[in-house]
Amino acid sequence: MKSHNSVPDSLPKLSEQTIKLINKLPDDTRAEVARVVRTHLTACLRNGSPVESLDRLFIEAVEVVNLEARVPEIRMPFKAQGYEPARHYDQYVSPREL
């Protein structure tokens, strides 16, 4: 029985260009890229979707890590105490009823 955290046996191979790209990365960036790729592969395994292109996955992971380094995500603490947004739900009226 396979664990949900294991890597599938039939992964596509990486091209030489992608391997060179990964090897040129600094260690901390490479670790972040590995984290993104591992998270994606785990989600694919959990949902039963195939991994079509490891090259594209690694290239997009590098882009995501570089983007997050330039523009870090700002996380604001959510305070729901005493705040309730105003909601208004329109009721559907059939044109025949008009």
N, C-alpha and C. Protein backbone atom coordinates (compact mmCIF):
# COMPACT_ATOMS: atom_id res chain seq x y z
N MET A 1 0.84 -1.19 0.00
CA MET A 1 0.00 0.00 0.00
C MET A 1 0.88 1.24 0.00
N LYS A 2 0.60 2.17 -0.91
CA LYS A 2 1.40 3.37 -1.03
C LYS A 2 0.96 4.43 -0.03
N SER A 3 1.93 5.14 0.50
CA SER A 3 1.64 6.26 1.38
C SER A 3 1.27 7.47 0.53
N HIS A 4 0.46 8.38 1.07
CA HIS A 4 0.09 9.59 0.35
C HIS A 4 1.26 10.57 0.26
N ASN A 5 2.31 10.36 1.03
CA ASN A 5 3.44 11.28 1.03
C ASN A 5 4.59 10.80 0.16
N SER A 6 4.42 9.67 -0.51
CA SER A 6 5.51 9.16 -1.34
C SER A 6 5.40 9.74 -2.75
N VAL A 7 6.51 9.76 -3.44
CA VAL A 7 6.56 10.27 -4.80
C VAL A 7 6.16 9.13 -5.74
N PRO A 8 5.34 9.42 -6.76
CA PRO A 8 4.92 8.36 -7.68
C PRO A 8 6.11 7.77 -8.43
N ASP A 9 5.97 6.50 -8.81
CA ASP A 9 7.05 5.79 -9.49
C ASP A 9 7.27 6.27 -10.92
N SER A 10 6.24 6.70 -11.59
CA SER A 10 6.34 7.01 -13.01
C SER A 10 6.34 8.52 -13.27
N LEU A 11 7.28 9.23 -12.67
CA LEU A 11 7.38 10.67 -12.91
C LEU A 11 8.12 10.92 -14.22
N PRO A 12 7.70 11.98 -14.94
CA PRO A 12 8.45 12.33 -16.15
C PRO A 12 9.87 12.77 -15.77
N LYS A 13 10.78 12.66 -16.71
CA LYS A 13 12.18 13.03 -16.47
C LYS A 13 12.38 14.53 -16.65
N LEU A 14 13.38 15.07 -15.94
CA LEU A 14 13.74 16.48 -16.08
C LEU A 14 14.71 16.65 -17.24
N SER A 15 14.57 17.76 -17.96
CA SER A 15 15.50 18.04 -19.05
C SER A 15 16.80 18.60 -18.48
N GLU A 16 17.83 18.60 -19.30
CA GLU A 16 19.14 19.13 -18.89
C GLU A 16 19.03 20.61 -18.55
N GLN A 17 18.24 21.37 -19.31
CA GLN A 17 18.08 22.80 -19.05
C GLN A 17 17.49 23.05 -17.68
N THR A 18 16.49 22.27 -17.31
CA THR A 18 15.85 22.44 -16.00
C THR A 18 16.81 22.06 -14.88
N ILE A 19 17.58 21.02 -15.08
CA ILE A 19 18.57 20.61 -14.07
C ILE A 19 19.61 21.71 -13.89
N LYS A 20 20.06 22.32 -15.00
CA LYS A 20 21.01 23.43 -14.90
C LYS A 20 20.40 24.62 -14.16
N LEU A 21 19.13 24.92 -14.46
CA LEU A 21 18.43 26.01 -13.77
C LEU A 21 18.39 25.77 -12.27
N ILE A 22 18.06 24.56 -11.87
CA ILE A 22 17.97 24.22 -10.45
C ILE A 22 19.34 24.29 -9.79
N ASN A 23 20.37 23.81 -10.48
CA ASN A 23 21.72 23.81 -9.91
C ASN A 23 22.30 25.21 -9.75
N LYS A 24 21.83 26.17 -10.56
CA LYS A 24 22.31 27.54 -10.47
C LYS A 24 21.68 28.31 -9.30
N LEU A 25 20.61 27.79 -8.75
CA LEU A 25 19.90 28.50 -7.68
C LEU A 25 20.70 28.48 -6.38
N PRO A 26 20.59 29.56 -5.58
CA PRO A 26 21.19 29.52 -4.24
C PRO A 26 20.50 28.45 -3.38
N ASP A 27 21.19 27.99 -2.35
CA ASP A 27 20.67 26.89 -1.52
C ASP A 27 19.31 27.21 -0.91
N ASP A 28 19.13 28.43 -0.40
CA ASP A 28 17.85 28.76 0.24
C ASP A 28 16.71 28.80 -0.77
N THR A 29 16.98 29.32 -1.97
CA THR A 29 15.96 29.34 -3.02
C THR A 29 15.65 27.92 -3.48
N ARG A 30 16.68 27.10 -3.63
CA ARG A 30 16.48 25.71 -4.04
C ARG A 30 15.62 24.96 -3.01
N ALA A 31 15.83 25.25 -1.73
CA ALA A 31 15.02 24.61 -0.69
C ALA A 31 13.56 25.04 -0.78
N GLU A 32 13.32 26.32 -1.07
CA GLU A 32 11.95 26.80 -1.23
C GLU A 32 11.29 26.19 -2.47
N VAL A 33 12.05 26.09 -3.55
CA VAL A 33 11.52 25.47 -4.77
C VAL A 33 11.17 24.01 -4.49
N ALA A 34 12.03 23.32 -3.77
CA ALA A 34 11.76 21.91 -3.43
C ALA A 34 10.49 21.80 -2.59
N ARG A 35 10.28 22.76 -1.68
CA ARG A 35 9.07 22.75 -0.84
C ARG A 35 7.83 22.93 -1.71
N VAL A 36 7.87 23.87 -2.65
CA VAL A 36 6.73 24.12 -3.53
C VAL A 36 6.44 22.89 -4.39
N VAL A 37 7.48 22.29 -4.95
CA VAL A 37 7.32 21.10 -5.80
C VAL A 37 6.77 19.94 -4.98
N ARG A 38 7.31 19.74 -3.78
CA ARG A 38 6.84 18.65 -2.92
C ARG A 38 5.37 18.83 -2.55
N THR A 39 4.97 20.07 -2.24
CA THR A 39 3.57 20.35 -1.92
C THR A 39 2.67 20.05 -3.11
N HIS A 40 3.12 20.45 -4.30
CA HIS A 40 2.32 20.20 -5.51
C HIS A 40 2.19 18.70 -5.79
N LEU A 41 3.31 17.98 -5.70
CA LEU A 41 3.26 16.54 -5.96
C LEU A 41 2.39 15.81 -4.94
N THR A 42 2.45 16.23 -3.69
CA THR A 42 1.61 15.62 -2.66
C THR A 42 0.13 15.86 -2.96
N ALA A 43 -0.19 17.09 -3.40
CA ALA A 43 -1.58 17.40 -3.75
C ALA A 43 -2.04 16.59 -4.96
N CYS A 44 -1.15 16.42 -5.94
CA CYS A 44 -1.50 15.60 -7.11
C CYS A 44 -1.78 14.16 -6.71
N LEU A 45 -0.93 13.61 -5.83
CA LEU A 45 -1.14 12.24 -5.37
C LEU A 45 -2.45 12.10 -4.60
N ARG A 46 -2.70 13.06 -3.74
CA ARG A 46 -3.90 13.01 -2.91
C ARG A 46 -5.16 13.08 -3.76
N ASN A 47 -5.12 13.87 -4.84
CA ASN A 47 -6.30 14.05 -5.69
C ASN A 47 -6.34 13.09 -6.87
N GLY A 48 -5.29 12.31 -7.05
CA GLY A 48 -5.27 11.34 -8.13
C GLY A 48 -5.02 11.94 -9.50
N SER A 49 -4.48 13.16 -9.56
CA SER A 49 -4.19 13.75 -10.87
C SER A 49 -2.78 13.44 -11.31
N PRO A 50 -2.60 13.26 -12.60
CA PRO A 50 -1.26 12.92 -13.11
C PRO A 50 -0.33 14.12 -13.12
N VAL A 51 0.95 13.86 -13.00
CA VAL A 51 1.97 14.90 -13.13
C VAL A 51 2.43 14.87 -14.57
N GLU A 52 2.08 15.89 -15.33
CA GLU A 52 2.33 15.86 -16.77
C GLU A 52 3.73 16.33 -17.14
N SER A 53 4.21 17.39 -16.52
CA SER A 53 5.49 17.95 -16.92
C SER A 53 6.26 18.43 -15.69
N LEU A 54 7.28 17.68 -15.33
CA LEU A 54 8.11 18.11 -14.21
C LEU A 54 8.91 19.36 -14.55
N ASP A 55 9.31 19.49 -15.82
CA ASP A 55 10.03 20.69 -16.23
C ASP A 55 9.19 21.94 -15.96
N ARG A 56 7.96 21.92 -16.41
CA ARG A 56 7.07 23.07 -16.22
C ARG A 56 6.83 23.31 -14.73
N LEU A 57 6.67 22.24 -13.97
CA LEU A 57 6.45 22.36 -12.54
C LEU A 57 7.63 23.05 -11.85
N PHE A 58 8.85 22.64 -12.16
CA PHE A 58 10.02 23.25 -11.55
C PHE A 58 10.20 24.70 -11.99
N ILE A 59 9.99 24.98 -13.27
CA ILE A 59 10.13 26.35 -13.77
C ILE A 59 9.12 27.27 -13.10
N GLU A 60 7.87 26.82 -12.98
CA GLU A 60 6.85 27.64 -12.33
C GLU A 60 7.12 27.78 -10.83
N ALA A 61 7.68 26.75 -10.20
CA ALA A 61 8.03 26.84 -8.79
C ALA A 61 9.13 27.88 -8.58
N VAL A 62 10.11 27.93 -9.48
CA VAL A 62 11.17 28.95 -9.40
C VAL A 62 10.55 30.33 -9.54
N GLU A 63 9.63 30.49 -10.49
CA GLU A 63 8.97 31.78 -10.68
C GLU A 63 8.17 32.19 -9.45
N VAL A 64 7.47 31.25 -8.84
CA VAL A 64 6.68 31.55 -7.64
C VAL A 64 7.59 31.99 -6.49
N VAL A 65 8.68 31.27 -6.29
CA VAL A 65 9.60 31.61 -5.20
C VAL A 65 10.23 32.98 -5.45
N ASN A 66 10.62 33.26 -6.69
CA ASN A 66 11.20 34.57 -7.00
C ASN A 66 10.18 35.69 -6.82
N LEU A 67 8.94 35.46 -7.22
CA LEU A 67 7.89 36.45 -7.05
C LEU A 67 7.62 36.72 -5.58
N GLU A 68 7.54 35.66 -4.78
CA GLU A 68 7.30 35.83 -3.34
C GLU A 68 8.46 36.53 -2.66
N ALA A 69 9.68 36.37 -3.18
CA ALA A 69 10.84 37.06 -2.61
C ALA A 69 10.77 38.56 -2.91
N ARG A 70 10.30 38.92 -4.12
CA ARG A 70 10.19 40.33 -4.49
C ARG A 70 9.00 41.01 -3.83
N VAL A 71 7.87 40.32 -3.82
CA VAL A 71 6.64 40.89 -3.28
C VAL A 71 6.06 39.89 -2.28
N PRO A 72 6.52 39.96 -1.03
CA PRO A 72 6.01 38.98 -0.06
C PRO A 72 4.53 39.19 0.23
N GLU A 73 3.88 38.09 0.50
CA GLU A 73 2.45 38.14 0.81
C GLU A 73 2.25 38.78 2.17
N ILE A 74 1.35 39.73 2.23
CA ILE A 74 1.05 40.40 3.50
C ILE A 74 -0.15 39.70 4.12
N ARG A 75 0.04 39.19 5.29
CA ARG A 75 -1.06 38.51 5.98
C ARG A 75 -1.55 39.40 7.11
N MET A 76 -2.78 39.80 6.98
CA MET A 76 -3.39 40.63 8.00
C MET A 76 -4.17 39.74 8.96
N PRO A 77 -4.04 40.01 10.25
CA PRO A 77 -4.82 39.21 11.20
C PRO A 77 -6.31 39.53 11.03
N PHE A 78 -7.12 38.49 11.02
CA PHE A 78 -8.56 38.65 10.84
C PHE A 78 -9.21 38.83 12.19
N LYS A 79 -9.91 39.95 12.34
CA LYS A 79 -10.61 40.23 13.60
C LYS A 79 -12.10 40.31 13.29
N ALA A 80 -12.82 39.29 13.65
CA ALA A 80 -14.25 39.24 13.37
C ALA A 80 -15.09 39.67 14.57
N GLN A 81 -14.45 40.18 15.59
CA GLN A 81 -15.17 40.54 16.81
C GLN A 81 -16.03 41.78 16.57
N GLY A 82 -17.33 41.61 16.68
CA GLY A 82 -18.25 42.73 16.58
C GLY A 82 -18.46 43.24 15.16
N TYR A 83 -17.91 42.57 14.17
CA TYR A 83 -18.06 43.03 12.80
C TYR A 83 -18.87 42.01 12.02
N GLU A 84 -19.92 42.46 11.42
CA GLU A 84 -20.73 41.60 10.57
C GLU A 84 -20.99 42.37 9.29
N PRO A 85 -20.56 41.87 8.16
CA PRO A 85 -20.77 42.61 6.92
C PRO A 85 -22.25 42.71 6.57
N ALA A 86 -22.63 43.81 5.95
CA ALA A 86 -24.02 43.98 5.53
C ALA A 86 -24.28 43.06 4.35
N ARG A 87 -25.36 42.32 4.44
CA ARG A 87 -25.70 41.40 3.36
C ARG A 87 -27.11 41.71 2.88
N HIS A 88 -27.27 41.63 1.58
CA HIS A 88 -28.59 41.82 0.99
C HIS A 88 -28.74 40.80 -0.13
N TYR A 89 -29.72 39.94 0.00
CA TYR A 89 -29.95 38.91 -1.00
C TYR A 89 -31.23 39.22 -1.76
N ASP A 90 -31.09 39.49 -3.05
CA ASP A 90 -32.27 39.73 -3.87
C ASP A 90 -32.95 38.40 -4.15
N GLN A 91 -34.26 38.43 -4.10
CA GLN A 91 -35.01 37.23 -4.39
C GLN A 91 -35.33 37.21 -5.88
N TYR A 92 -35.15 36.04 -6.46
CA TYR A 92 -35.42 35.90 -7.89
C TYR A 92 -36.91 36.02 -8.15
N VAL A 93 -37.26 36.84 -9.15
CA VAL A 93 -38.64 36.98 -9.56
C VAL A 93 -38.72 36.58 -11.03
N SER A 94 -39.54 35.62 -11.32
CA SER A 94 -39.69 35.15 -12.68
C SER A 94 -40.32 36.23 -13.53
N PRO A 95 -39.89 36.35 -14.79
CA PRO A 95 -40.51 37.35 -15.67
C PRO A 95 -42.01 37.14 -15.85
N ARG A 96 -42.48 35.91 -15.69
CA ARG A 96 -43.92 35.63 -15.81
C ARG A 96 -44.70 36.24 -14.68
N GLU A 97 -44.06 36.40 -13.52
CA GLU A 97 -44.77 36.94 -12.35
C GLU A 97 -44.85 38.46 -12.42
N LEU A 98 -44.07 39.09 -13.28
CA LEU A 98 -44.10 40.56 -13.37
C LEU A 98 -45.27 41.03 -14.10
